[in-house]
Amino acid sequence: FERVTKQFGELTVLRELDLEVTRGEKLAIIGPSGSG
């Protein structure tokens, strides 16, 4: 993900997200509800 932003109207759900996942990696994604 390269500087990815996702908006729903005026609500910004993801803000300039950078993320790399390597081949075979197991990535756990945690956080509160509504965090993207």
PDB file of all heavy atoms in Angstrom:
ATOM      1  N   PHE A   1       0.865  -1.175   0.000  1.00  0.00           N
ATOM      2  CA  PHE A   1       0.000   0.000   0.000  1.00  0.00           C
ATOM      3  C   PHE A   1       0.902   1.226   0.000  1.00  0.00           C
ATOM      4  O   PHE A   1       1.768   1.352   0.875  1.00  0.00           O
ATOM      5  CB  PHE A   1      -0.890   0.028   1.246  1.00  0.00           C
ATOM      6  CG  PHE A   1      -2.054  -0.930   1.213  1.00  0.00           C
ATOM      7  CD1 PHE A   1      -1.842  -2.298   1.312  1.00  0.00           C
ATOM      8  CD2 PHE A   1      -3.345  -0.468   1.075  1.00  0.00           C
ATOM      9  CE1 PHE A   1      -2.903  -3.185   1.279  1.00  0.00           C
ATOM     10  CE2 PHE A   1      -4.420  -1.343   1.048  1.00  0.00           C
ATOM     11  CZ  PHE A   1      -4.201  -2.708   1.149  1.00  0.00           C
ATOM     12  N   GLU A   2       0.707   2.127  -0.962  1.00  0.00           N
ATOM     13  CA  GLU A   2       1.531   3.315  -1.081  1.00  0.00           C
ATOM     14  C   GLU A   2       0.659   4.561  -0.934  1.00  0.00           C
ATOM     15  O   GLU A   2      -0.129   4.903  -1.815  1.00  0.00           O
ATOM     16  CB  GLU A   2       2.245   3.332  -2.438  1.00  0.00           C
ATOM     17  CG  GLU A   2       3.190   2.152  -2.651  1.00  0.00           C
ATOM     18  CD  GLU A   2       3.812   2.153  -4.036  1.00  0.00           C
ATOM     19  OE1 GLU A   2       3.410   2.985  -4.882  1.00  0.00           O
ATOM     20  OE2 GLU A   2       4.704   1.321  -4.280  1.00  0.00           O
ATOM     21  N   ARG A   3       0.742   5.181   0.229  1.00  0.00           N
ATOM     22  CA  ARG A   3       0.035   6.435   0.526  1.00  0.00           C
ATOM     23  C   ARG A   3      -1.449   6.317   0.164  1.00  0.00           C
ATOM     24  O   ARG A   3      -2.038   7.182  -0.488  1.00  0.00           O
ATOM     25  CB  ARG A   3       0.688   7.616  -0.190  1.00  0.00           C
ATOM     26  CG  ARG A   3       2.159   7.791   0.147  1.00  0.00           C
ATOM     27  CD  ARG A   3       2.751   9.045  -0.483  1.00  0.00           C
ATOM     28  NE  ARG A   3       2.247  10.252   0.179  1.00  0.00           N
ATOM     29  CZ  ARG A   3       2.753  10.767   1.292  1.00  0.00           C
ATOM     30  NH1 ARG A   3       3.773  10.175   1.905  1.00  0.00           N
ATOM     31  NH2 ARG A   3       2.252  11.862   1.815  1.00  0.00           N
ATOM     32  N   VAL A   4      -2.063   5.237   0.631  1.00  0.00           N
ATOM     33  CA  VAL A   4      -3.458   4.959   0.296  1.00  0.00           C
ATOM     34  C   VAL A   4      -4.394   5.676   1.269  1.00  0.00           C
ATOM     35  O   VAL A   4      -4.271   5.542   2.490  1.00  0.00           O
ATOM     36  CB  VAL A   4      -3.727   3.439   0.318  1.00  0.00           C
ATOM     37  CG1 VAL A   4      -5.229   3.164   0.186  1.00  0.00           C
ATOM     38  CG2 VAL A   4      -2.957   2.755  -0.797  1.00  0.00           C
ATOM     39  N   THR A   5      -5.313   6.422   0.705  1.00  0.00           N
ATOM     40  CA  THR A   5      -6.352   7.100   1.474  1.00  0.00           C
ATOM     41  C   THR A   5      -7.712   6.595   0.993  1.00  0.00           C
ATOM     42  O   THR A   5      -7.916   6.383  -0.201  1.00  0.00           O
ATOM     43  CB  THR A   5      -6.280   8.620   1.282  1.00  0.00           C
ATOM     44  OG1 THR A   5      -5.073   9.106   1.894  1.00  0.00           O
ATOM     45  CG2 THR A   5      -7.464   9.328   1.920  1.00  0.00           C
ATOM     46  N   LYS A   6      -8.611   6.374   1.946  1.00  0.00           N
ATOM     47  CA  LYS A   6      -9.978   6.007   1.611  1.00  0.00           C
ATOM     48  C   LYS A   6     -10.934   6.891   2.390  1.00  0.00           C
ATOM     49  O   LYS A   6     -10.865   6.961   3.627  1.00  0.00           O
ATOM     50  CB  LYS A   6     -10.250   4.534   1.934  1.00  0.00           C
ATOM     51  CG  LYS A   6     -11.701   4.116   1.682  1.00  0.00           C
ATOM     52  CD  LYS A   6     -12.130   4.317   0.244  1.00  0.00           C
ATOM     53  CE  LYS A   6     -13.596   3.941   0.035  1.00  0.00           C
ATOM     54  NZ  LYS A   6     -14.032   4.209  -1.362  1.00  0.00           N
ATOM     55  N   GLN A   7     -11.801   7.574   1.648  1.00  0.00           N
ATOM     56  CA  GLN A   7     -12.801   8.438   2.253  1.00  0.00           C
ATOM     57  C   GLN A   7     -14.198   7.986   1.858  1.00  0.00           C
ATOM     58  O   GLN A   7     -14.426   7.533   0.738  1.00  0.00           O
ATOM     59  CB  GLN A   7     -12.588   9.893   1.807  1.00  0.00           C
ATOM     60  CG  GLN A   7     -11.271  10.505   2.280  1.00  0.00           C
ATOM     61  CD  GLN A   7     -11.053  11.885   1.701  1.00  0.00           C
ATOM     62  OE1 GLN A   7     -11.101  12.070   0.483  1.00  0.00           O
ATOM     63  NE2 GLN A   7     -10.819  12.859   2.572  1.00  0.00           N
ATOM     64  N   PHE A   8     -15.110   8.116   2.805  1.00  0.00           N
ATOM     65  CA  PHE A   8     -16.533   7.950   2.529  1.00  0.00           C
ATOM     66  C   PHE A   8     -17.182   9.302   2.812  1.00  0.00           C
ATOM     67  O   PHE A   8     -17.410   9.647   3.976  1.00  0.00           O
ATOM     68  CB  PHE A   8     -17.140   6.862   3.405  1.00  0.00           C
ATOM     69  CG  PHE A   8     -16.604   5.478   3.121  1.00  0.00           C
ATOM     70  CD1 PHE A   8     -15.598   4.940   3.909  1.00  0.00           C
ATOM     71  CD2 PHE A   8     -17.109   4.722   2.079  1.00  0.00           C
ATOM     72  CE1 PHE A   8     -15.110   3.664   3.658  1.00  0.00           C
ATOM     73  CE2 PHE A   8     -16.618   3.445   1.813  1.00  0.00           C
ATOM     74  CZ  PHE A   8     -15.619   2.926   2.593  1.00  0.00           C
ATOM     75  N   GLY A   9     -17.412  10.069   1.767  1.00  0.00           N
ATOM     76  CA  GLY A   9     -17.879  11.442   1.969  1.00  0.00           C
ATOM     77  C   GLY A   9     -16.812  12.243   2.693  1.00  0.00           C
ATOM     78  O   GLY A   9     -15.658  12.299   2.269  1.00  0.00           O
ATOM     79  N   GLU A  10     -17.185  12.835   3.818  1.00  0.00           N
ATOM     80  CA  GLU A  10     -16.228  13.629   4.592  1.00  0.00           C
ATOM     81  C   GLU A  10     -15.455  12.785   5.609  1.00  0.00           C
ATOM     82  O   GLU A  10     -14.537  13.295   6.260  1.00  0.00           O
ATOM     83  CB  GLU A  10     -16.954  14.764   5.313  1.00  0.00           C
ATOM     84  CG  GLU A  10     -17.598  15.781   4.367  1.00  0.00           C
ATOM     85  CD  GLU A  10     -18.238  16.929   5.106  1.00  0.00           C
ATOM     86  OE1 GLU A  10     -18.235  16.891   6.360  1.00  0.00           O
ATOM     87  OE2 GLU A  10     -18.736  17.852   4.445  1.00  0.00           O
ATOM     88  N   LEU A  11     -15.811  11.518   5.727  1.00  0.00           N
ATOM     89  CA  LEU A  11     -15.145  10.639   6.691  1.00  0.00           C
ATOM     90  C   LEU A  11     -13.922   9.992   6.057  1.00  0.00           C
ATOM     91  O   LEU A  11     -14.035   9.286   5.046  1.00  0.00           O
ATOM     92  CB  LEU A  11     -16.119   9.557   7.167  1.00  0.00           C
ATOM     93  CG  LEU A  11     -15.543   8.499   8.117  1.00  0.00           C
ATOM     94  CD1 LEU A  11     -15.116   9.136   9.436  1.00  0.00           C
ATOM     95  CD2 LEU A  11     -16.559   7.387   8.352  1.00  0.00           C
ATOM     96  N   THR A  12     -12.759  10.204   6.653  1.00  0.00           N
ATOM     97  CA  THR A  12     -11.531   9.572   6.189  1.00  0.00           C
ATOM     98  C   THR A  12     -11.288   8.325   7.022  1.00  0.00           C
ATOM     99  O   THR A  12     -11.046   8.403   8.227  1.00  0.00           O
ATOM    100  CB  THR A  12     -10.329  10.527   6.315  1.00  0.00           C
ATOM    101  OG1 THR A  12     -10.575  11.689   5.522  1.00  0.00           O
ATOM    102  CG2 THR A  12      -9.047   9.857   5.828  1.00  0.00           C
ATOM    103  N   VAL A  13     -11.349   7.157   6.371  1.00  0.00           N
ATOM    104  CA  VAL A  13     -11.220   5.884   7.073  1.00  0.00           C
ATOM    105  C   VAL A  13      -9.775   5.408   7.075  1.00  0.00           C
ATOM    106  O   VAL A  13      -9.297   4.837   8.054  1.00  0.00           O
ATOM    107  CB  VAL A  13     -12.145   4.822   6.434  1.00  0.00           C
ATOM    108  CG1 VAL A  13     -12.045   3.497   7.174  1.00  0.00           C
ATOM    109  CG2 VAL A  13     -13.580   5.306   6.424  1.00  0.00           C
ATOM    110  N   LEU A  14      -9.059   5.614   5.977  1.00  0.00           N
ATOM    111  CA  LEU A  14      -7.623   5.357   5.899  1.00  0.00           C
ATOM    112  C   LEU A  14      -6.942   6.624   5.425  1.00  0.00           C
ATOM    113  O   LEU A  14      -7.428   7.301   4.514  1.00  0.00           O
ATOM    114  CB  LEU A  14      -7.312   4.206   4.923  1.00  0.00           C
ATOM    115  CG  LEU A  14      -7.711   2.797   5.343  1.00  0.00           C
ATOM    116  CD1 LEU A  14      -7.385   1.808   4.228  1.00  0.00           C
ATOM    117  CD2 LEU A  14      -7.026   2.373   6.629  1.00  0.00           C
ATOM    118  N   ARG A  15      -5.788   6.931   6.038  1.00  0.00           N
ATOM    119  CA  ARG A  15      -5.131   8.205   5.753  1.00  0.00           C
ATOM    120  C   ARG A  15      -3.667   7.968   5.349  1.00  0.00           C
ATOM    121  O   ARG A  15      -2.828   7.624   6.174  1.00  0.00           O
ATOM    122  CB  ARG A  15      -5.177   9.096   6.998  1.00  0.00           C
ATOM    123  CG  ARG A  15      -4.723  10.528   6.785  1.00  0.00           C
ATOM    124  CD  ARG A  15      -4.683  11.281   8.113  1.00  0.00           C
ATOM    125  NE  ARG A  15      -5.940  11.161   8.846  1.00  0.00           N
ATOM    126  CZ  ARG A  15      -6.997  11.952   8.648  1.00  0.00           C
ATOM    127  NH1 ARG A  15      -6.932  12.921   7.760  1.00  0.00           N
ATOM    128  NH2 ARG A  15      -8.097  11.782   9.356  1.00  0.00           N
ATOM    129  N   GLU A  16      -3.385   8.073   4.030  1.00  0.00           N
ATOM    130  CA  GLU A  16      -2.022   7.968   3.486  1.00  0.00           C
ATOM    131  C   GLU A  16      -1.281   6.769   4.075  1.00  0.00           C
ATOM    132  O   GLU A  16      -0.180   6.885   4.610  1.00  0.00           O
ATOM    133  CB  GLU A  16      -1.255   9.267   3.710  1.00  0.00           C
ATOM    134  CG  GLU A  16      -1.860  10.437   2.938  1.00  0.00           C
ATOM    135  CD  GLU A  16      -0.936  11.636   2.861  1.00  0.00           C
ATOM    136  OE1 GLU A  16       0.077  11.657   3.595  1.00  0.00           O
ATOM    137  OE2 GLU A  16      -1.220  12.542   2.062  1.00  0.00           O
ATOM    138  N   LEU A  17      -1.890   5.621   3.959  1.00  0.00           N
ATOM    139  CA  LEU A  17      -1.355   4.397   4.542  1.00  0.00           C
ATOM    140  C   LEU A  17      -0.225   3.832   3.692  1.00  0.00           C
ATOM    141  O   LEU A  17      -0.378   3.641   2.485  1.00  0.00           O
ATOM    142  CB  LEU A  17      -2.466   3.358   4.667  1.00  0.00           C
ATOM    143  CG  LEU A  17      -2.033   1.984   5.179  1.00  0.00           C
ATOM    144  CD1 LEU A  17      -1.731   2.057   6.670  1.00  0.00           C
ATOM    145  CD2 LEU A  17      -3.116   0.947   4.909  1.00  0.00           C
ATOM    146  N   ASP A  18       0.904   3.535   4.320  1.00  0.00           N
ATOM    147  CA  ASP A  18       2.004   2.799   3.696  1.00  0.00           C
ATOM    148  C   ASP A  18       2.142   1.470   4.437  1.00  0.00           C
ATOM    149  O   ASP A  18       2.216   1.441   5.661  1.00  0.00           O
ATOM    150  CB  ASP A  18       3.326   3.566   3.811  1.00  0.00           C
ATOM    151  CG  ASP A  18       3.365   4.809   2.937  1.00  0.00           C
ATOM    152  OD1 ASP A  18       2.712   4.803   1.883  1.00  0.00           O
ATOM    153  OD2 ASP A  18       4.037   5.782   3.321  1.00  0.00           O
ATOM    154  N   LEU A  19       2.201   0.389   3.675  1.00  0.00           N
ATOM    155  CA  LEU A  19       2.322  -0.941   4.291  1.00  0.00           C
ATOM    156  C   LEU A  19       2.895  -1.909   3.277  1.00  0.00           C
ATOM    157  O   LEU A  19       2.491  -1.899   2.107  1.00  0.00           O
ATOM    158  CB  LEU A  19       0.952  -1.443   4.765  1.00  0.00           C
ATOM    159  CG  LEU A  19       0.902  -2.868   5.330  1.00  0.00           C
ATOM    160  CD1 LEU A  19       1.698  -2.964   6.618  1.00  0.00           C
ATOM    161  CD2 LEU A  19      -0.540  -3.312   5.546  1.00  0.00           C
ATOM    162  N   GLU A  20       3.842  -2.738   3.709  1.00  0.00           N
ATOM    163  CA  GLU A  20       4.377  -3.803   2.877  1.00  0.00           C
ATOM    164  C   GLU A  20       4.195  -5.138   3.594  1.00  0.00           C
ATOM    165  O   GLU A  20       4.449  -5.244   4.792  1.00  0.00           O
ATOM    166  CB  GLU A  20       5.866  -3.589   2.583  1.00  0.00           C
ATOM    167  CG  GLU A  20       6.148  -2.423   1.654  1.00  0.00           C
ATOM    168  CD  GLU A  20       7.623  -2.304   1.318  1.00  0.00           C
ATOM    169  OE1 GLU A  20       8.447  -2.997   1.972  1.00  0.00           O
ATOM    170  OE2 GLU A  20       7.977  -1.526   0.423  1.00  0.00           O
ATOM    171  N   VAL A  21       3.764  -6.137   2.840  1.00  0.00           N
ATOM    172  CA  VAL A  21       3.619  -7.497   3.355  1.00  0.00           C
ATOM    173  C   VAL A  21       4.465  -8.409   2.478  1.00  0.00           C
ATOM    174  O   VAL A  21       4.318  -8.403   1.253  1.00  0.00           O
ATOM    175  CB  VAL A  21       2.153  -7.964   3.339  1.00  0.00           C
ATOM    176  CG1 VAL A  21       2.032  -9.353   3.959  1.00  0.00           C
ATOM    177  CG2 VAL A  21       1.258  -6.967   4.076  1.00  0.00           C
ATOM    178  N   THR A  22       5.362  -9.160   3.095  1.00  0.00           N
ATOM    179  CA  THR A  22       6.251 -10.014   2.320  1.00  0.00           C
ATOM    180  C   THR A  22       5.605 -11.367   2.042  1.00  0.00           C
ATOM    181  O   THR A  22       4.683 -11.797   2.736  1.00  0.00           O
ATOM    182  CB  THR A  22       7.595 -10.217   3.044  1.00  0.00           C
ATOM    183  OG1 THR A  22       7.352 -10.759   4.345  1.00  0.00           O
ATOM    184  CG2 THR A  22       8.338  -8.912   3.170  1.00  0.00           C
ATOM    185  N   ARG A  23       6.109 -12.019   1.028  1.00  0.00           N
ATOM    186  CA  ARG A  23       5.567 -13.305   0.594  1.00  0.00           C
ATOM    187  C   ARG A  23       5.669 -14.336   1.728  1.00  0.00           C
ATOM    188  O   ARG A  23       6.720 -14.523   2.322  1.00  0.00           O
ATOM    189  CB  ARG A  23       6.341 -13.780  -0.633  1.00  0.00           C
ATOM    190  CG  ARG A  23       5.624 -14.824  -1.471  1.00  0.00           C
ATOM    191  CD  ARG A  23       6.427 -15.111  -2.730  1.00  0.00           C
ATOM    192  NE  ARG A  23       6.638 -13.914  -3.528  1.00  0.00           N
ATOM    193  CZ  ARG A  23       5.768 -13.474  -4.437  1.00  0.00           C
ATOM    194  NH1 ARG A  23       4.653 -14.147  -4.655  1.00  0.00           N
ATOM    195  NH2 ARG A  23       6.020 -12.377  -5.123  1.00  0.00           N
ATOM    196  N   GLY A  24       4.565 -14.981   2.029  1.00  0.00           N
ATOM    197  CA  GLY A  24       4.527 -15.982   3.083  1.00  0.00           C
ATOM    198  C   GLY A  24       4.333 -15.431   4.480  1.00  0.00           C
ATOM    199  O   GLY A  24       4.206 -16.196   5.449  1.00  0.00           O
ATOM    200  N   GLU A  25       4.275 -14.124   4.632  1.00  0.00           N
ATOM    201  CA  GLU A  25       4.145 -13.509   5.956  1.00  0.00           C
ATOM    202  C   GLU A  25       2.724 -13.654   6.500  1.00  0.00           C
ATOM    203  O   GLU A  25       1.746 -13.643   5.754  1.00  0.00           O
ATOM    204  CB  GLU A  25       4.509 -12.030   5.868  1.00  0.00           C
ATOM    205  CG  GLU A  25       4.451 -11.307   7.199  1.00  0.00           C
ATOM    206  CD  GLU A  25       4.879  -9.859   7.091  1.00  0.00           C
ATOM    207  OE1 GLU A  25       5.122  -9.372   5.973  1.00  0.00           O
ATOM    208  OE2 GLU A  25       4.974  -9.212   8.151  1.00  0.00           O
ATOM    209  N   LYS A  26       2.632 -13.784   7.825  1.00  0.00           N
ATOM    210  CA  LYS A  26       1.354 -13.776   8.519  1.00  0.00           C
ATOM    211  C   LYS A  26       1.265 -12.467   9.297  1.00  0.00           C
ATOM    212  O   LYS A  26       1.991 -12.266  10.276  1.00  0.00           O
ATOM    213  CB  LYS A  26       1.228 -14.963   9.484  1.00  0.00           C
ATOM    214  CG  LYS A  26       0.893 -16.289   8.811  1.00  0.00           C
ATOM    215  CD  LYS A  26       1.925 -16.771   7.833  1.00  0.00           C
ATOM    216  CE  LYS A  26       1.602 -18.130   7.235  1.00  0.00           C
ATOM    217  NZ  LYS A  26       2.532 -18.495   6.152  1.00  0.00           N
ATOM    218  N   LEU A  27       0.414 -11.562   8.838  1.00  0.00           N
ATOM    219  CA  LEU A  27       0.278 -10.247   9.451  1.00  0.00           C
ATOM    220  C   LEU A  27      -1.048 -10.157  10.184  1.00  0.00           C
ATOM    221  O   LEU A  27      -2.113 -10.291   9.577  1.00  0.00           O
ATOM    222  CB  LEU A  27       0.342  -9.152   8.381  1.00  0.00           C
ATOM    223  CG  LEU A  27       0.101  -7.721   8.877  1.00  0.00           C
ATOM    224  CD1 LEU A  27       1.236  -7.259   9.796  1.00  0.00           C
ATOM    225  CD2 LEU A  27      -0.074  -6.751   7.718  1.00  0.00           C
ATOM    226  N   ALA A  28      -0.995  -9.947  11.499  1.00  0.00           N
ATOM    227  CA  ALA A  28      -2.204  -9.726  12.297  1.00  0.00           C
ATOM    228  C   ALA A  28      -2.481  -8.235  12.351  1.00  0.00           C
ATOM    229  O   ALA A  28      -1.577  -7.428  12.584  1.00  0.00           O
ATOM    230  CB  ALA A  28      -2.018 -10.286  13.702  1.00  0.00           C
ATOM    231  N   ILE A  29      -3.727  -7.873  12.129  1.00  0.00           N
ATOM    232  CA  ILE A  29      -4.144  -6.471  12.120  1.00  0.00           C
ATOM    233  C   ILE A  29      -5.145  -6.285  13.250  1.00  0.00           C
ATOM    234  O   ILE A  29      -6.226  -6.895  13.246  1.00  0.00           O
ATOM    235  CB  ILE A  29      -4.773  -6.104  10.764  1.00  0.00           C
ATOM    236  CG1 ILE A  29      -3.765  -6.368   9.629  1.00  0.00           C
ATOM    237  CG2 ILE A  29      -5.214  -4.649  10.751  1.00  0.00           C
ATOM    238  CD1 ILE A  29      -4.367  -6.278   8.242  1.00  0.00           C
ATOM    239  N   ILE A  30      -4.782  -5.479  14.230  1.00  0.00           N
ATOM    240  CA  ILE A  30      -5.614  -5.302  15.414  1.00  0.00           C
ATOM    241  C   ILE A  30      -5.915  -3.823  15.588  1.00  0.00           C
ATOM    242  O   ILE A  30      -5.303  -2.962  14.959  1.00  0.00           O
ATOM    243  CB  ILE A  30      -4.931  -5.865  16.680  1.00  0.00           C
ATOM    244  CG1 ILE A  30      -3.657  -5.074  16.994  1.00  0.00           C
ATOM    245  CG2 ILE A  30      -4.606  -7.354  16.502  1.00  0.00           C
ATOM    246  CD1 ILE A  30      -3.004  -5.463  18.334  1.00  0.00           C
ATOM    247  N   GLY A  31      -6.869  -3.536  16.469  1.00  0.00           N
ATOM    248  CA  GLY A  31      -7.218  -2.152  16.740  1.00  0.00           C
ATOM    249  C   GLY A  31      -8.694  -2.007  17.031  1.00  0.00           C
ATOM    250  O   GLY A  31      -9.482  -2.936  16.839  1.00  0.00           O
ATOM    251  N   PRO A  32      -9.106  -0.822  17.490  1.00  0.00           N
ATOM    252  CA  PRO A  32     -10.516  -0.609  17.837  1.00  0.00           C
ATOM    253  C   PRO A  32     -11.410  -0.603  16.610  1.00  0.00           C
ATOM    254  O   PRO A  32     -10.946  -0.444  15.474  1.00  0.00           O
ATOM    255  CB  PRO A  32     -10.493   0.775  18.514  1.00  0.00           C
ATOM    256  CG  PRO A  32      -9.296   1.458  17.929  1.00  0.00           C
ATOM    257  CD  PRO A  32      -8.278   0.374  17.713  1.00  0.00           C
ATOM    258  N   SER A  33     -12.696  -0.761  16.832  1.00  0.00           N
ATOM    259  CA  SER A  33     -13.672  -0.685  15.749  1.00  0.00           C
ATOM    260  C   SER A  33     -13.599   0.691  15.083  1.00  0.00           C
ATOM    261  O   SER A  33     -13.421   1.707  15.758  1.00  0.00           O
ATOM    262  CB  SER A  33     -15.084  -0.925  16.288  1.00  0.00           C
ATOM    263  OG  SER A  33     -15.194  -2.208  16.849  1.00  0.00           O
ATOM    264  N   GLY A  34     -13.729   0.708  13.766  1.00  0.00           N
ATOM    265  CA  GLY A  34     -13.705   1.968  13.038  1.00  0.00           C
ATOM    266  C   GLY A  34     -12.333   2.513  12.749  1.00  0.00           C
ATOM    267  O   GLY A  34     -12.199   3.642  12.260  1.00  0.00           O
ATOM    268  N   SER A  35     -11.285   1.717  13.020  1.00  0.00           N
ATOM    269  CA  SER A  35      -9.927   2.222  12.829  1.00  0.00           C
ATOM    270  C   SER A  35      -9.394   2.004  11.417  1.00  0.00           C
ATOM    271  O   SER A  35      -8.292   2.451  11.098  1.00  0.00           O
ATOM    272  CB  SER A  35      -8.972   1.567  13.837  1.00  0.00           C
ATOM    273  OG  SER A  35      -8.975   0.160  13.688  1.00  0.00           O
ATOM    274  N   GLY A  36     -10.155   1.321  10.563  1.00  0.00           N
ATOM    275  CA  GLY A  36      -9.742   1.133   9.179  1.00  0.00           C
ATOM    276  C   GLY A  36      -9.264  -0.255   8.826  1.00  0.00           C
ATOM    277  O   GLY A  36      -8.868  -0.513   7.687  1.00  0.00           O
TER     278      GLY A  36
END
